[in-house]
Amino acid sequence: MKEQVITKLCPIVEINGAKYAALTQQLAGIDRTLLGAEVTSISDCRAEFIDAIDLIASGI
């Protein structure tokens, strides 16, 4: 159960063959210029990010 909650809160995304946990609980608005060059699109993970933000906001 604990592993499911962490995975839901921190979706795993794959970039250039490496897996990363997206730390949505640390999500903040920052200037796009501070992010550096675009490496890939993670738009396919949109639903997982929305679920993670819902978990932060509502606990469900």
N, C-alpha and C. Protein backbone atom coordinates (compact mmCIF):
# COMPACT_ATOMS: atom_id res chain seq x y z
N MET A 1 0.83 -1.20 0.00
CA MET A 1 0.00 0.00 0.00
C MET A 1 0.87 1.26 0.00
N LYS A 2 1.88 1.31 0.86
CA LYS A 2 2.75 2.49 0.93
C LYS A 2 3.38 2.79 -0.42
N GLU A 3 3.82 1.76 -1.13
CA GLU A 3 4.45 1.95 -2.43
C GLU A 3 3.47 2.55 -3.44
N GLN A 4 2.21 2.17 -3.39
CA GLN A 4 1.20 2.71 -4.29
C GLN A 4 1.00 4.21 -4.07
N VAL A 5 0.95 4.62 -2.83
CA VAL A 5 0.75 6.04 -2.51
C VAL A 5 1.92 6.86 -3.03
N ILE A 6 3.14 6.39 -2.80
CA ILE A 6 4.32 7.12 -3.26
C ILE A 6 4.34 7.20 -4.79
N THR A 7 4.03 6.10 -5.46
CA THR A 7 3.99 6.11 -6.91
C THR A 7 2.92 7.05 -7.43
N LYS A 8 1.78 7.09 -6.76
CA LYS A 8 0.72 7.99 -7.19
C LYS A 8 1.13 9.44 -6.96
N LEU A 9 1.82 9.71 -5.89
CA LEU A 9 2.26 11.07 -5.58
C LEU A 9 3.43 11.49 -6.45
N CYS A 10 4.29 10.56 -6.77
CA CYS A 10 5.50 10.84 -7.57
C CYS A 10 5.51 9.95 -8.81
N PRO A 11 4.79 10.37 -9.85
CA PRO A 11 4.76 9.54 -11.06
C PRO A 11 6.17 9.28 -11.60
N ILE A 12 6.37 8.09 -12.13
CA ILE A 12 7.65 7.73 -12.73
C ILE A 12 7.59 8.07 -14.21
N VAL A 13 8.55 8.85 -14.67
CA VAL A 13 8.63 9.21 -16.09
C VAL A 13 9.96 8.71 -16.63
N GLU A 14 9.95 8.33 -17.90
CA GLU A 14 11.17 7.85 -18.53
C GLU A 14 11.65 8.89 -19.53
N ILE A 15 12.91 9.28 -19.40
CA ILE A 15 13.52 10.28 -20.28
C ILE A 15 14.84 9.71 -20.79
N ASN A 16 14.92 9.55 -22.07
CA ASN A 16 16.13 9.00 -22.71
C ASN A 16 16.57 7.69 -22.07
N GLY A 17 15.61 6.83 -21.75
CA GLY A 17 15.91 5.51 -21.20
C GLY A 17 16.12 5.46 -19.70
N ALA A 18 16.19 6.61 -19.04
CA ALA A 18 16.37 6.64 -17.58
C ALA A 18 15.03 6.96 -16.92
N LYS A 19 14.77 6.32 -15.79
CA LYS A 19 13.52 6.55 -15.06
C LYS A 19 13.73 7.57 -13.95
N TYR A 20 12.77 8.49 -13.84
CA TYR A 20 12.83 9.54 -12.83
C TYR A 20 11.50 9.61 -12.09
N ALA A 21 11.56 9.89 -10.81
CA ALA A 21 10.34 10.14 -10.03
C ALA A 21 10.08 11.65 -10.06
N ALA A 22 8.90 12.02 -10.51
CA ALA A 22 8.52 13.44 -10.55
C ALA A 22 8.02 13.83 -9.16
N LEU A 23 8.69 14.74 -8.53
CA LEU A 23 8.36 15.14 -7.16
C LEU A 23 7.27 16.22 -7.18
N THR A 24 6.04 15.78 -7.43
CA THR A 24 4.94 16.75 -7.57
C THR A 24 4.67 17.51 -6.28
N GLN A 25 5.02 16.93 -5.12
CA GLN A 25 4.80 17.64 -3.87
C GLN A 25 5.71 18.86 -3.75
N GLN A 26 6.70 18.95 -4.63
CA GLN A 26 7.60 20.11 -4.63
C GLN A 26 7.30 21.03 -5.82
N LEU A 27 6.15 20.83 -6.42
CA LEU A 27 5.74 21.62 -7.58
C LEU A 27 5.60 23.09 -7.20
N ALA A 28 6.18 23.94 -7.99
CA ALA A 28 6.08 25.39 -7.75
C ALA A 28 6.19 26.10 -9.08
N GLY A 29 5.67 27.29 -9.12
CA GLY A 29 5.79 28.09 -10.33
C GLY A 29 7.16 28.72 -10.42
N ILE A 30 7.90 28.40 -11.46
CA ILE A 30 9.19 29.02 -11.68
C ILE A 30 9.25 29.52 -13.11
N ASP A 31 10.09 30.45 -13.37
CA ASP A 31 10.26 30.99 -14.70
C ASP A 31 10.78 29.91 -15.64
N ARG A 32 10.16 29.79 -16.79
CA ARG A 32 10.53 28.76 -17.76
C ARG A 32 12.01 28.83 -18.17
N THR A 33 12.57 30.02 -18.16
CA THR A 33 13.98 30.18 -18.56
C THR A 33 14.93 29.47 -17.60
N LEU A 34 14.49 29.21 -16.38
CA LEU A 34 15.34 28.52 -15.40
C LEU A 34 15.38 27.01 -15.61
N LEU A 35 14.51 26.49 -16.46
CA LEU A 35 14.42 25.05 -16.65
C LEU A 35 15.47 24.48 -17.59
N GLY A 36 16.06 25.30 -18.43
CA GLY A 36 17.04 24.79 -19.38
C GLY A 36 16.36 24.31 -20.65
N ALA A 37 17.12 23.63 -21.48
CA ALA A 37 16.62 23.16 -22.78
C ALA A 37 15.62 22.02 -22.61
N GLU A 38 14.62 22.00 -23.49
CA GLU A 38 13.64 20.92 -23.49
C GLU A 38 14.32 19.64 -23.95
N VAL A 39 14.08 18.55 -23.22
CA VAL A 39 14.69 17.27 -23.54
C VAL A 39 13.69 16.36 -24.22
N THR A 40 12.47 16.35 -23.70
CA THR A 40 11.41 15.49 -24.23
C THR A 40 10.06 16.02 -23.77
N SER A 41 9.01 15.41 -24.24
CA SER A 41 7.66 15.75 -23.78
C SER A 41 7.17 14.63 -22.87
N ILE A 42 6.57 15.00 -21.76
CA ILE A 42 5.98 14.00 -20.88
C ILE A 42 4.45 14.15 -20.87
N SER A 43 3.93 14.71 -21.97
CA SER A 43 2.49 14.93 -22.07
C SER A 43 1.70 13.63 -22.00
N ASP A 44 2.32 12.51 -22.35
CA ASP A 44 1.64 11.21 -22.23
C ASP A 44 1.36 10.85 -20.78
N CYS A 45 2.04 11.50 -19.84
CA CYS A 45 1.87 11.24 -18.40
C CYS A 45 0.90 12.24 -17.75
N ARG A 46 0.19 13.00 -18.55
CA ARG A 46 -0.69 14.06 -18.05
C ARG A 46 -1.65 13.55 -16.96
N ALA A 47 -2.30 12.43 -17.21
CA ALA A 47 -3.27 11.89 -16.24
C ALA A 47 -2.61 11.57 -14.91
N GLU A 48 -1.40 11.02 -14.94
CA GLU A 48 -0.69 10.69 -13.70
C GLU A 48 -0.34 11.96 -12.91
N PHE A 49 0.03 13.02 -13.62
CA PHE A 49 0.34 14.28 -12.93
C PHE A 49 -0.91 14.91 -12.33
N ILE A 50 -2.02 14.85 -13.04
CA ILE A 50 -3.27 15.37 -12.50
C ILE A 50 -3.69 14.57 -11.27
N ASP A 51 -3.54 13.24 -11.32
CA ASP A 51 -3.85 12.40 -10.15
C ASP A 51 -2.97 12.77 -8.96
N ALA A 52 -1.69 13.02 -9.21
CA ALA A 52 -0.76 13.38 -8.13
C ALA A 52 -1.16 14.71 -7.50
N ILE A 53 -1.51 15.67 -8.34
CA ILE A 53 -1.93 16.99 -7.82
C ILE A 53 -3.23 16.87 -7.05
N ASP A 54 -4.16 16.03 -7.53
CA ASP A 54 -5.40 15.76 -6.79
C ASP A 54 -5.10 15.17 -5.41
N LEU A 55 -4.13 14.24 -5.36
CA LEU A 55 -3.76 13.64 -4.08
C LEU A 55 -3.21 14.69 -3.12
N ILE A 56 -2.40 15.61 -3.63
CA ILE A 56 -1.86 16.68 -2.79
C ILE A 56 -2.98 17.57 -2.27
N ALA A 57 -3.88 17.94 -3.17
CA ALA A 57 -4.94 18.89 -2.82
C ALA A 57 -6.04 18.29 -1.96
N SER A 58 -6.41 17.03 -2.24
CA SER A 58 -7.59 16.47 -1.56
C SER A 58 -7.28 15.26 -0.70
N GLY A 59 -6.12 14.65 -0.89
CA GLY A 59 -5.78 13.46 -0.12
C GLY A 59 -6.42 12.19 -0.64
N ILE A 60 -7.07 12.27 -1.79
CA ILE A 60 -7.73 11.08 -2.36
C ILE A 60 -6.92 10.56 -3.52
